[in-house]
Amino acid sequence: IFALSLLGAGLQAHVDWMRSVPDSRP
């Protein structure tokens, strides 16, 4: 699923998601 996600969204989208997680409060 990760490989398909990389193909469909690109590596940068995954990096951006990881960066966004700490900025959002539970």
mmCIF file of all heavy atoms, coordinates in Angstrom:
data_MODEL
# 
_entry.id   MODEL 
# 
loop_
_atom_site.group_PDB 
_atom_site.id 
_atom_site.type_symbol 
_atom_site.label_atom_id 
_atom_site.label_alt_id 
_atom_site.label_comp_id 
_atom_site.label_asym_id 
_atom_site.label_entity_id 
_atom_site.label_seq_id 
_atom_site.pdbx_PDB_ins_code 
_atom_site.Cartn_x 
_atom_site.Cartn_y 
_atom_site.Cartn_z 
_atom_site.occupancy 
_atom_site.B_iso_or_equiv 
_atom_site.pdbx_formal_charge 
_atom_site.auth_seq_id 
_atom_site.auth_comp_id 
_atom_site.auth_asym_id 
_atom_site.auth_atom_id 
_atom_site.pdbx_PDB_model_num 
ATOM 1   N N   . ILE A 1 1  ? 0.838  -1.203 0.000  1.00 0.00 ? 1  ILE A N   1 
ATOM 2   C CA  . ILE A 1 1  ? 0.000  0.000  0.000  1.00 0.00 ? 1  ILE A CA  1 
ATOM 3   C C   . ILE A 1 1  ? 0.874  1.255  0.000  1.00 0.00 ? 1  ILE A C   1 
ATOM 4   O O   . ILE A 1 1  ? 0.571  2.246  -0.683 1.00 0.00 ? 1  ILE A O   1 
ATOM 5   C CB  . ILE A 1 1  ? -0.954 -0.008 1.207  1.00 0.00 ? 1  ILE A CB  1 
ATOM 6   C CG1 . ILE A 1 1  ? -1.964 -1.157 1.073  1.00 0.00 ? 1  ILE A CG1 1 
ATOM 7   C CG2 . ILE A 1 1  ? -1.683 1.327  1.347  1.00 0.00 ? 1  ILE A CG2 1 
ATOM 8   C CD1 . ILE A 1 1  ? -2.841 -1.352 2.292  1.00 0.00 ? 1  ILE A CD1 1 
ATOM 9   N N   . PHE A 1 2  ? 1.984  1.194  0.734  1.00 0.00 ? 2  PHE A N   1 
ATOM 10  C CA  . PHE A 1 2  ? 2.913  2.322  0.744  1.00 0.00 ? 2  PHE A CA  1 
ATOM 11  C C   . PHE A 1 2  ? 3.484  2.578  -0.645 1.00 0.00 ? 2  PHE A C   1 
ATOM 12  O O   . PHE A 1 2  ? 3.586  3.737  -1.091 1.00 0.00 ? 2  PHE A O   1 
ATOM 13  C CB  . PHE A 1 2  ? 4.030  2.054  1.742  1.00 0.00 ? 2  PHE A CB  1 
ATOM 14  C CG  . PHE A 1 2  ? 5.077  3.140  1.800  1.00 0.00 ? 2  PHE A CG  1 
ATOM 15  C CD1 . PHE A 1 2  ? 4.723  4.454  2.078  1.00 0.00 ? 2  PHE A CD1 1 
ATOM 16  C CD2 . PHE A 1 2  ? 6.406  2.851  1.571  1.00 0.00 ? 2  PHE A CD2 1 
ATOM 17  C CE1 . PHE A 1 2  ? 5.676  5.462  2.131  1.00 0.00 ? 2  PHE A CE1 1 
ATOM 18  C CE2 . PHE A 1 2  ? 7.371  3.842  1.612  1.00 0.00 ? 2  PHE A CE2 1 
ATOM 19  C CZ  . PHE A 1 2  ? 7.009  5.149  1.904  1.00 0.00 ? 2  PHE A CZ  1 
ATOM 20  N N   . ALA A 1 3  ? 3.840  1.505  -1.341 1.00 0.00 ? 3  ALA A N   1 
ATOM 21  C CA  . ALA A 1 3  ? 4.382  1.650  -2.694 1.00 0.00 ? 3  ALA A CA  1 
ATOM 22  C C   . ALA A 1 3  ? 3.347  2.269  -3.627 1.00 0.00 ? 3  ALA A C   1 
ATOM 23  O O   . ALA A 1 3  ? 3.664  3.170  -4.420 1.00 0.00 ? 3  ALA A O   1 
ATOM 24  C CB  . ALA A 1 3  ? 4.841  0.290  -3.221 1.00 0.00 ? 3  ALA A CB  1 
ATOM 25  N N   . LEU A 1 4  ? 2.106  1.798  -3.544 1.00 0.00 ? 4  LEU A N   1 
ATOM 26  C CA  . LEU A 1 4  ? 1.049  2.369  -4.375 1.00 0.00 ? 4  LEU A CA  1 
ATOM 27  C C   . LEU A 1 4  ? 0.787  3.827  -4.009 1.00 0.00 ? 4  LEU A C   1 
ATOM 28  O O   . LEU A 1 4  ? 0.502  4.659  -4.881 1.00 0.00 ? 4  LEU A O   1 
ATOM 29  C CB  . LEU A 1 4  ? -0.235 1.555  -4.213 1.00 0.00 ? 4  LEU A CB  1 
ATOM 30  C CG  . LEU A 1 4  ? -0.203 0.123  -4.779 1.00 0.00 ? 4  LEU A CG  1 
ATOM 31  C CD1 . LEU A 1 4  ? -1.481 -0.624 -4.410 1.00 0.00 ? 4  LEU A CD1 1 
ATOM 32  C CD2 . LEU A 1 4  ? -0.014 0.147  -6.291 1.00 0.00 ? 4  LEU A CD2 1 
ATOM 33  N N   . SER A 1 5  ? 0.898  4.133  -2.721 1.00 0.00 ? 5  SER A N   1 
ATOM 34  C CA  . SER A 1 5  ? 0.694  5.503  -2.278 1.00 0.00 ? 5  SER A CA  1 
ATOM 35  C C   . SER A 1 5  ? 1.799  6.408  -2.803 1.00 0.00 ? 5  SER A C   1 
ATOM 36  O O   . SER A 1 5  ? 1.547  7.559  -3.192 1.00 0.00 ? 5  SER A O   1 
ATOM 37  C CB  . SER A 1 5  ? 0.644  5.554  -0.750 1.00 0.00 ? 5  SER A CB  1 
ATOM 38  O OG  . SER A 1 5  ? 0.335  6.843  -0.284 1.00 0.00 ? 5  SER A OG  1 
ATOM 39  N N   . LEU A 1 6  ? 3.025  5.906  -2.825 1.00 0.00 ? 6  LEU A N   1 
ATOM 40  C CA  . LEU A 1 6  ? 4.132  6.684  -3.393 1.00 0.00 ? 6  LEU A CA  1 
ATOM 41  C C   . LEU A 1 6  ? 3.894  6.960  -4.869 1.00 0.00 ? 6  LEU A C   1 
ATOM 42  O O   . LEU A 1 6  ? 4.143  8.071  -5.358 1.00 0.00 ? 6  LEU A O   1 
ATOM 43  C CB  . LEU A 1 6  ? 5.454  5.938  -3.207 1.00 0.00 ? 6  LEU A CB  1 
ATOM 44  C CG  . LEU A 1 6  ? 6.080  5.964  -1.809 1.00 0.00 ? 6  LEU A CG  1 
ATOM 45  C CD1 . LEU A 1 6  ? 7.315  5.081  -1.780 1.00 0.00 ? 6  LEU A CD1 1 
ATOM 46  C CD2 . LEU A 1 6  ? 6.447  7.390  -1.414 1.00 0.00 ? 6  LEU A CD2 1 
ATOM 47  N N   . LEU A 1 7  ? 3.407  5.952  -5.582 1.00 0.00 ? 7  LEU A N   1 
ATOM 48  C CA  . LEU A 1 7  ? 3.129  6.138  -7.007 1.00 0.00 ? 7  LEU A CA  1 
ATOM 49  C C   . LEU A 1 7  ? 1.999  7.146  -7.229 1.00 0.00 ? 7  LEU A C   1 
ATOM 50  O O   . LEU A 1 7  ? 2.032  7.945  -8.165 1.00 0.00 ? 7  LEU A O   1 
ATOM 51  C CB  . LEU A 1 7  ? 2.757  4.796  -7.646 1.00 0.00 ? 7  LEU A CB  1 
ATOM 52  C CG  . LEU A 1 7  ? 3.890  3.775  -7.816 1.00 0.00 ? 7  LEU A CG  1 
ATOM 53  C CD1 . LEU A 1 7  ? 3.342  2.451  -8.329 1.00 0.00 ? 7  LEU A CD1 1 
ATOM 54  C CD2 . LEU A 1 7  ? 4.952  4.310  -8.779 1.00 0.00 ? 7  LEU A CD2 1 
ATOM 55  N N   . GLY A 1 8  ? 1.001  7.103  -6.358 1.00 0.00 ? 8  GLY A N   1 
ATOM 56  C CA  . GLY A 1 8  ? -0.164 7.950  -6.553 1.00 0.00 ? 8  GLY A CA  1 
ATOM 57  C C   . GLY A 1 8  ? -0.049 9.344  -5.992 1.00 0.00 ? 8  GLY A C   1 
ATOM 58  O O   . GLY A 1 8  ? -0.723 10.268 -6.464 1.00 0.00 ? 8  GLY A O   1 
ATOM 59  N N   . ALA A 1 9  ? 0.796  9.525  -4.974 1.00 0.00 ? 9  ALA A N   1 
ATOM 60  C CA  . ALA A 1 9  ? 0.880  10.834 -4.315 1.00 0.00 ? 9  ALA A CA  1 
ATOM 61  C C   . ALA A 1 9  ? 2.282  11.436 -4.333 1.00 0.00 ? 9  ALA A C   1 
ATOM 62  O O   . ALA A 1 9  ? 2.426  12.646 -4.161 1.00 0.00 ? 9  ALA A O   1 
ATOM 63  C CB  . ALA A 1 9  ? 0.401  10.718 -2.866 1.00 0.00 ? 9  ALA A CB  1 
ATOM 64  N N   . GLY A 1 10 ? 3.287  10.603 -4.520 1.00 0.00 ? 10 GLY A N   1 
ATOM 65  C CA  . GLY A 1 10 ? 4.649  11.110 -4.527 1.00 0.00 ? 10 GLY A CA  1 
ATOM 66  C C   . GLY A 1 10 ? 5.271  11.118 -3.145 1.00 0.00 ? 10 GLY A C   1 
ATOM 67  O O   . GLY A 1 10 ? 4.567  11.133 -2.129 1.00 0.00 ? 10 GLY A O   1 
ATOM 68  N N   . LEU A 1 11 ? 6.586  11.136 -3.103 1.00 0.00 ? 11 LEU A N   1 
ATOM 69  C CA  . LEU A 1 11 ? 7.305  11.101 -1.829 1.00 0.00 ? 11 LEU A CA  1 
ATOM 70  C C   . LEU A 1 11 ? 7.061  12.367 -1.014 1.00 0.00 ? 11 LEU A C   1 
ATOM 71  O O   . LEU A 1 11 ? 6.902  12.305 0.206  1.00 0.00 ? 11 LEU A O   1 
ATOM 72  C CB  . LEU A 1 11 ? 8.802  10.929 -2.083 1.00 0.00 ? 11 LEU A CB  1 
ATOM 73  C CG  . LEU A 1 11 ? 9.713  10.946 -0.852 1.00 0.00 ? 11 LEU A CG  1 
ATOM 74  C CD1 . LEU A 1 11 ? 9.339  9.814  0.103  1.00 0.00 ? 11 LEU A CD1 1 
ATOM 75  C CD2 . LEU A 1 11 ? 11.182 10.851 -1.272 1.00 0.00 ? 11 LEU A CD2 1 
ATOM 76  N N   . GLN A 1 12 ? 6.998  13.525 -1.686 1.00 0.00 ? 12 GLN A N   1 
ATOM 77  C CA  . GLN A 1 12 ? 6.869  14.781 -0.959 1.00 0.00 ? 12 GLN A CA  1 
ATOM 78  C C   . GLN A 1 12 ? 5.586  14.830 -0.144 1.00 0.00 ? 12 GLN A C   1 
ATOM 79  O O   . GLN A 1 12 ? 5.559  15.386 0.964  1.00 0.00 ? 12 GLN A O   1 
ATOM 80  C CB  . GLN A 1 12 ? 6.920  15.958 -1.928 1.00 0.00 ? 12 GLN A CB  1 
ATOM 81  C CG  . GLN A 1 12 ? 6.979  17.317 -1.249 1.00 0.00 ? 12 GLN A CG  1 
ATOM 82  C CD  . GLN A 1 12 ? 8.210  17.459 -0.358 1.00 0.00 ? 12 GLN A CD  1 
ATOM 83  O OE1 . GLN A 1 12 ? 9.321  17.128 -0.747 1.00 0.00 ? 12 GLN A OE1 1 
ATOM 84  N NE2 . GLN A 1 12 ? 8.000  17.919 0.871  1.00 0.00 ? 12 GLN A NE2 1 
ATOM 85  N N   . ALA A 1 13 ? 4.504  14.258 -0.669 1.00 0.00 ? 13 ALA A N   1 
ATOM 86  C CA  . ALA A 1 13 ? 3.241  14.253 0.074  1.00 0.00 ? 13 ALA A CA  1 
ATOM 87  C C   . ALA A 1 13 ? 3.385  13.496 1.387  1.00 0.00 ? 13 ALA A C   1 
ATOM 88  O O   . ALA A 1 13 ? 2.822  13.903 2.421  1.00 0.00 ? 13 ALA A O   1 
ATOM 89  C CB  . ALA A 1 13 ? 2.135  13.634 -0.775 1.00 0.00 ? 13 ALA A CB  1 
ATOM 90  N N   . HIS A 1 14 ? 4.139  12.409 1.365  1.00 0.00 ? 14 HIS A N   1 
ATOM 91  C CA  . HIS A 1 14 ? 4.332  11.633 2.589  1.00 0.00 ? 14 HIS A CA  1 
ATOM 92  C C   . HIS A 1 14 ? 5.197  12.399 3.585  1.00 0.00 ? 14 HIS A C   1 
ATOM 93  O O   . HIS A 1 14 ? 4.952  12.356 4.796  1.00 0.00 ? 14 HIS A O   1 
ATOM 94  C CB  . HIS A 1 14 ? 4.967  10.281 2.253  1.00 0.00 ? 14 HIS A CB  1 
ATOM 95  C CG  . HIS A 1 14 ? 4.064  9.384  1.463  1.00 0.00 ? 14 HIS A CG  1 
ATOM 96  N ND1 . HIS A 1 14 ? 3.831  9.565  0.117  1.00 0.00 ? 14 HIS A ND1 1 
ATOM 97  C CD2 . HIS A 1 14 ? 3.321  8.303  1.832  1.00 0.00 ? 14 HIS A CD2 1 
ATOM 98  C CE1 . HIS A 1 14 ? 2.999  8.643  -0.314 1.00 0.00 ? 14 HIS A CE1 1 
ATOM 99  N NE2 . HIS A 1 14 ? 2.668  7.866  0.703  1.00 0.00 ? 14 HIS A NE2 1 
ATOM 100 N N   . VAL A 1 15 ? 6.199  13.105 3.068  1.00 0.00 ? 15 VAL A N   1 
ATOM 101 C CA  . VAL A 1 15 ? 7.038  13.935 3.938  1.00 0.00 ? 15 VAL A CA  1 
ATOM 102 C C   . VAL A 1 15 ? 6.200  15.055 4.545  1.00 0.00 ? 15 VAL A C   1 
ATOM 103 O O   . VAL A 1 15 ? 6.294  15.347 5.750  1.00 0.00 ? 15 VAL A O   1 
ATOM 104 C CB  . VAL A 1 15 ? 8.228  14.515 3.147  1.00 0.00 ? 15 VAL A CB  1 
ATOM 105 C CG1 . VAL A 1 15 ? 9.009  15.511 4.014  1.00 0.00 ? 15 VAL A CG1 1 
ATOM 106 C CG2 . VAL A 1 15 ? 9.142  13.396 2.664  1.00 0.00 ? 15 VAL A CG2 1 
ATOM 107 N N   . ASP A 1 16 ? 5.359  15.673 3.717  1.00 0.00 ? 16 ASP A N   1 
ATOM 108 C CA  . ASP A 1 16 ? 4.505  16.759 4.211  1.00 0.00 ? 16 ASP A CA  1 
ATOM 109 C C   . ASP A 1 16 ? 3.533  16.259 5.268  1.00 0.00 ? 16 ASP A C   1 
ATOM 110 O O   . ASP A 1 16 ? 3.246  16.971 6.244  1.00 0.00 ? 16 ASP A O   1 
ATOM 111 C CB  . ASP A 1 16 ? 3.728  17.383 3.053  1.00 0.00 ? 16 ASP A CB  1 
ATOM 112 C CG  . ASP A 1 16 ? 4.622  18.151 2.094  1.00 0.00 ? 16 ASP A CG  1 
ATOM 113 O OD1 . ASP A 1 16 ? 5.759  18.491 2.486  1.00 0.00 ? 16 ASP A OD1 1 
ATOM 114 O OD2 . ASP A 1 16 ? 4.185  18.397 0.950  1.00 0.00 ? 16 ASP A OD2 1 
ATOM 115 N N   . TRP A 1 17 ? 3.001  15.052 5.074  1.00 0.00 ? 17 TRP A N   1 
ATOM 116 C CA  . TRP A 1 17 ? 2.084  14.504 6.074  1.00 0.00 ? 17 TRP A CA  1 
ATOM 117 C C   . TRP A 1 17 ? 2.801  14.310 7.414  1.00 0.00 ? 17 TRP A C   1 
ATOM 118 O O   . TRP A 1 17 ? 2.283  14.688 8.470  1.00 0.00 ? 17 TRP A O   1 
ATOM 119 C CB  . TRP A 1 17 ? 1.509  13.175 5.603  1.00 0.00 ? 17 TRP A CB  1 
ATOM 120 C CG  . TRP A 1 17 ? 0.779  12.461 6.700  1.00 0.00 ? 17 TRP A CG  1 
ATOM 121 C CD1 . TRP A 1 17 ? -0.377 12.839 7.301  1.00 0.00 ? 17 TRP A CD1 1 
ATOM 122 C CD2 . TRP A 1 17 ? 1.203  11.271 7.378  1.00 0.00 ? 17 TRP A CD2 1 
ATOM 123 N NE1 . TRP A 1 17 ? -0.720 11.947 8.301  1.00 0.00 ? 17 TRP A NE1 1 
ATOM 124 C CE2 . TRP A 1 17 ? 0.228  10.980 8.368  1.00 0.00 ? 17 TRP A CE2 1 
ATOM 125 C CE3 . TRP A 1 17 ? 2.292  10.417 7.225  1.00 0.00 ? 17 TRP A CE3 1 
ATOM 126 C CZ2 . TRP A 1 17 ? 0.331  9.884  9.200  1.00 0.00 ? 17 TRP A CZ2 1 
ATOM 127 C CZ3 . TRP A 1 17 ? 2.400  9.308  8.066  1.00 0.00 ? 17 TRP A CZ3 1 
ATOM 128 C CH2 . TRP A 1 17 ? 1.423  9.049  9.042  1.00 0.00 ? 17 TRP A CH2 1 
ATOM 129 N N   . MET A 1 18 ? 4.002  13.749 7.375  1.00 0.00 ? 18 MET A N   1 
ATOM 130 C CA  . MET A 1 18 ? 4.749  13.523 8.614  1.00 0.00 ? 18 MET A CA  1 
ATOM 131 C C   . MET A 1 18 ? 5.063  14.852 9.306  1.00 0.00 ? 18 MET A C   1 
ATOM 132 O O   . MET A 1 18 ? 5.046  14.942 10.539 1.00 0.00 ? 18 MET A O   1 
ATOM 133 C CB  . MET A 1 18 ? 6.031  12.754 8.315  1.00 0.00 ? 18 MET A CB  1 
ATOM 134 C CG  . MET A 1 18 ? 5.780  11.328 7.820  1.00 0.00 ? 18 MET A CG  1 
ATOM 135 S SD  . MET A 1 18 ? 7.303  10.404 7.506  1.00 0.00 ? 18 MET A SD  1 
ATOM 136 C CE  . MET A 1 18 ? 7.957  10.276 9.169  1.00 0.00 ? 18 MET A CE  1 
ATOM 137 N N   . ARG A 1 19 ? 5.319  15.893 8.522  1.00 0.00 ? 19 ARG A N   1 
ATOM 138 C CA  . ARG A 1 19 ? 5.587  17.205 9.116  1.00 0.00 ? 19 ARG A CA  1 
ATOM 139 C C   . ARG A 1 19 ? 4.333  17.828 9.718  1.00 0.00 ? 19 ARG A C   1 
ATOM 140 O O   . ARG A 1 19 ? 4.416  18.598 10.679 1.00 0.00 ? 19 ARG A O   1 
ATOM 141 C CB  . ARG A 1 19 ? 6.158  18.139 8.047  1.00 0.00 ? 19 ARG A CB  1 
ATOM 142 C CG  . ARG A 1 19 ? 7.599  17.810 7.618  1.00 0.00 ? 19 ARG A CG  1 
ATOM 143 C CD  . ARG A 1 19 ? 8.022  18.694 6.462  1.00 0.00 ? 19 ARG A CD  1 
ATOM 144 N NE  . ARG A 1 19 ? 9.414  18.468 6.106  1.00 0.00 ? 19 ARG A NE  1 
ATOM 145 C CZ  . ARG A 1 19 ? 10.002 18.963 5.011  1.00 0.00 ? 19 ARG A CZ  1 
ATOM 146 N NH1 . ARG A 1 19 ? 9.281  19.725 4.170  1.00 0.00 ? 19 ARG A NH1 1 
ATOM 147 N NH2 . ARG A 1 19 ? 11.261 18.708 4.754  1.00 0.00 ? 19 ARG A NH2 1 
ATOM 148 N N   . SER A 1 20 ? 3.179  17.494 9.153  1.00 0.00 ? 20 SER A N   1 
ATOM 149 C CA  . SER A 1 20 ? 1.927  18.104 9.620  1.00 0.00 ? 20 SER A CA  1 
ATOM 150 C C   . SER A 1 20 ? 1.428  17.512 10.924 1.00 0.00 ? 20 SER A C   1 
ATOM 151 O O   . SER A 1 20 ? 0.703  18.176 11.675 1.00 0.00 ? 20 SER A O   1 
ATOM 152 C CB  . SER A 1 20 ? 0.838  17.957 8.551  1.00 0.00 ? 20 SER A CB  1 
ATOM 153 O OG  . SER A 1 20 ? 0.372  16.611 8.472  1.00 0.00 ? 20 SER A OG  1 
ATOM 154 N N   . VAL A 1 21 ? 1.816  16.271 11.210 1.00 0.00 ? 21 VAL A N   1 
ATOM 155 C CA  . VAL A 1 21 ? 1.281  15.580 12.385 1.00 0.00 ? 21 VAL A CA  1 
ATOM 156 C C   . VAL A 1 21 ? 1.599  16.314 13.687 1.00 0.00 ? 21 VAL A C   1 
ATOM 157 O O   . VAL A 1 21 ? 0.704  16.530 14.524 1.00 0.00 ? 21 VAL A O   1 
ATOM 158 C CB  . VAL A 1 21 ? 1.788  14.126 12.428 1.00 0.00 ? 21 VAL A CB  1 
ATOM 159 C CG1 . VAL A 1 21 ? 1.409  13.465 13.753 1.00 0.00 ? 21 VAL A CG1 1 
ATOM 160 C CG2 . VAL A 1 21 ? 1.217  13.330 11.257 1.00 0.00 ? 21 VAL A CG2 1 
ATOM 161 N N   . PRO A 1 22 ? 2.860  16.740 13.929 1.00 0.00 ? 22 PRO A N   1 
ATOM 162 C CA  . PRO A 1 22 ? 3.142  17.421 15.202 1.00 0.00 ? 22 PRO A CA  1 
ATOM 163 C C   . PRO A 1 22 ? 2.443  18.769 15.348 1.00 0.00 ? 22 PRO A C   1 
ATOM 164 O O   . PRO A 1 22 ? 2.289  19.270 16.476 1.00 0.00 ? 22 PRO A O   1 
ATOM 165 C CB  . PRO A 1 22 ? 4.670  17.607 15.161 1.00 0.00 ? 22 PRO A CB  1 
ATOM 166 C CG  . PRO A 1 22 ? 5.161  16.630 14.160 1.00 0.00 ? 22 PRO A CG  1 
ATOM 167 C CD  . PRO A 1 22 ? 4.075  16.542 13.125 1.00 0.00 ? 22 PRO A CD  1 
ATOM 168 N N   . ASP A 1 23 ? 2.012  19.381 14.227 1.00 0.00 ? 23 ASP A N   1 
ATOM 169 C CA  . ASP A 1 23 ? 1.392  20.709 14.292 1.00 0.00 ? 23 ASP A CA  1 
ATOM 170 C C   . ASP A 1 23 ? -0.093 20.664 14.614 1.00 0.00 ? 23 ASP A C   1 
ATOM 171 O O   . ASP A 1 23 ? -0.697 21.719 14.857 1.00 0.00 ? 23 ASP A O   1 
ATOM 172 C CB  . ASP A 1 23 ? 1.597  21.442 12.960 1.00 0.00 ? 23 ASP A CB  1 
ATOM 173 C CG  . ASP A 1 23 ? 3.066  21.764 12.689 1.00 0.00 ? 23 ASP A CG  1 
ATOM 174 O OD1 . ASP A 1 23 ? 3.812  21.911 13.671 1.00 0.00 ? 23 ASP A OD1 1 
ATOM 175 O OD2 . ASP A 1 23 ? 3.445  21.836 11.509 1.00 0.00 ? 23 ASP A OD2 1 
ATOM 176 N N   . SER A 1 24 ? -0.683 19.481 14.597 1.00 0.00 ? 24 SER A N   1 
ATOM 177 C CA  . SER A 1 24 ? -2.121 19.353 14.859 1.00 0.00 ? 24 SER A CA  1 
ATOM 178 C C   . SER A 1 24 ? -2.343 18.840 16.277 1.00 0.00 ? 24 SER A C   1 
ATOM 179 O O   . SER A 1 24 ? -1.796 17.799 16.662 1.00 0.00 ? 24 SER A O   1 
ATOM 180 C CB  . SER A 1 24 ? -2.766 18.401 13.842 1.00 0.00 ? 24 SER A CB  1 
ATOM 181 O OG  . SER A 1 24 ? -2.660 18.932 12.539 1.00 0.00 ? 24 SER A OG  1 
ATOM 182 N N   . ARG A 1 25 ? -3.146 19.563 17.045 1.00 0.00 ? 25 ARG A N   1 
ATOM 183 C CA  . ARG A 1 25 ? -3.404 19.179 18.432 1.00 0.00 ? 25 ARG A CA  1 
ATOM 184 C C   . ARG A 1 25 ? -4.433 18.055 18.476 1.00 0.00 ? 25 ARG A C   1 
ATOM 185 O O   . ARG A 1 25 ? -5.386 18.055 17.686 1.00 0.00 ? 25 ARG A O   1 
ATOM 186 C CB  . ARG A 1 25 ? -3.921 20.381 19.215 1.00 0.00 ? 25 ARG A CB  1 
ATOM 187 C CG  . ARG A 1 25 ? -4.178 20.097 20.700 1.00 0.00 ? 25 ARG A CG  1 
ATOM 188 C CD  . ARG A 1 25 ? -4.684 21.329 21.408 1.00 0.00 ? 25 ARG A CD  1 
ATOM 189 N NE  . ARG A 1 25 ? -3.682 22.404 21.371 1.00 0.00 ? 25 ARG A NE  1 
ATOM 190 C CZ  . ARG A 1 25 ? -3.894 23.622 21.874 1.00 0.00 ? 25 ARG A CZ  1 
ATOM 191 N NH1 . ARG A 1 25 ? -5.065 23.920 22.431 1.00 0.00 ? 25 ARG A NH1 1 
ATOM 192 N NH2 . ARG A 1 25 ? -2.944 24.525 21.803 1.00 0.00 ? 25 ARG A NH2 1 
ATOM 193 N N   . PRO A 1 26 ? -4.266 17.084 19.379 1.00 0.00 ? 26 PRO A N   1 
ATOM 194 C CA  . PRO A 1 26 ? -5.280 16.020 19.527 1.00 0.00 ? 26 PRO A CA  1 
ATOM 195 C C   . PRO A 1 26 ? -6.654 16.608 19.828 1.00 0.00 ? 26 PRO A C   1 
ATOM 196 O O   . PRO A 1 26 ? -6.763 17.673 20.437 1.00 0.00 ? 26 PRO A O   1 
ATOM 197 C CB  . PRO A 1 26 ? -4.749 15.189 20.700 1.00 0.00 ? 26 PRO A CB  1 
ATOM 198 C CG  . PRO A 1 26 ? -3.271 15.452 20.710 1.00 0.00 ? 26 PRO A CG  1 
ATOM 199 C CD  . PRO A 1 26 ? -3.103 16.872 20.261 1.00 0.00 ? 26 PRO A CD  1 
# 
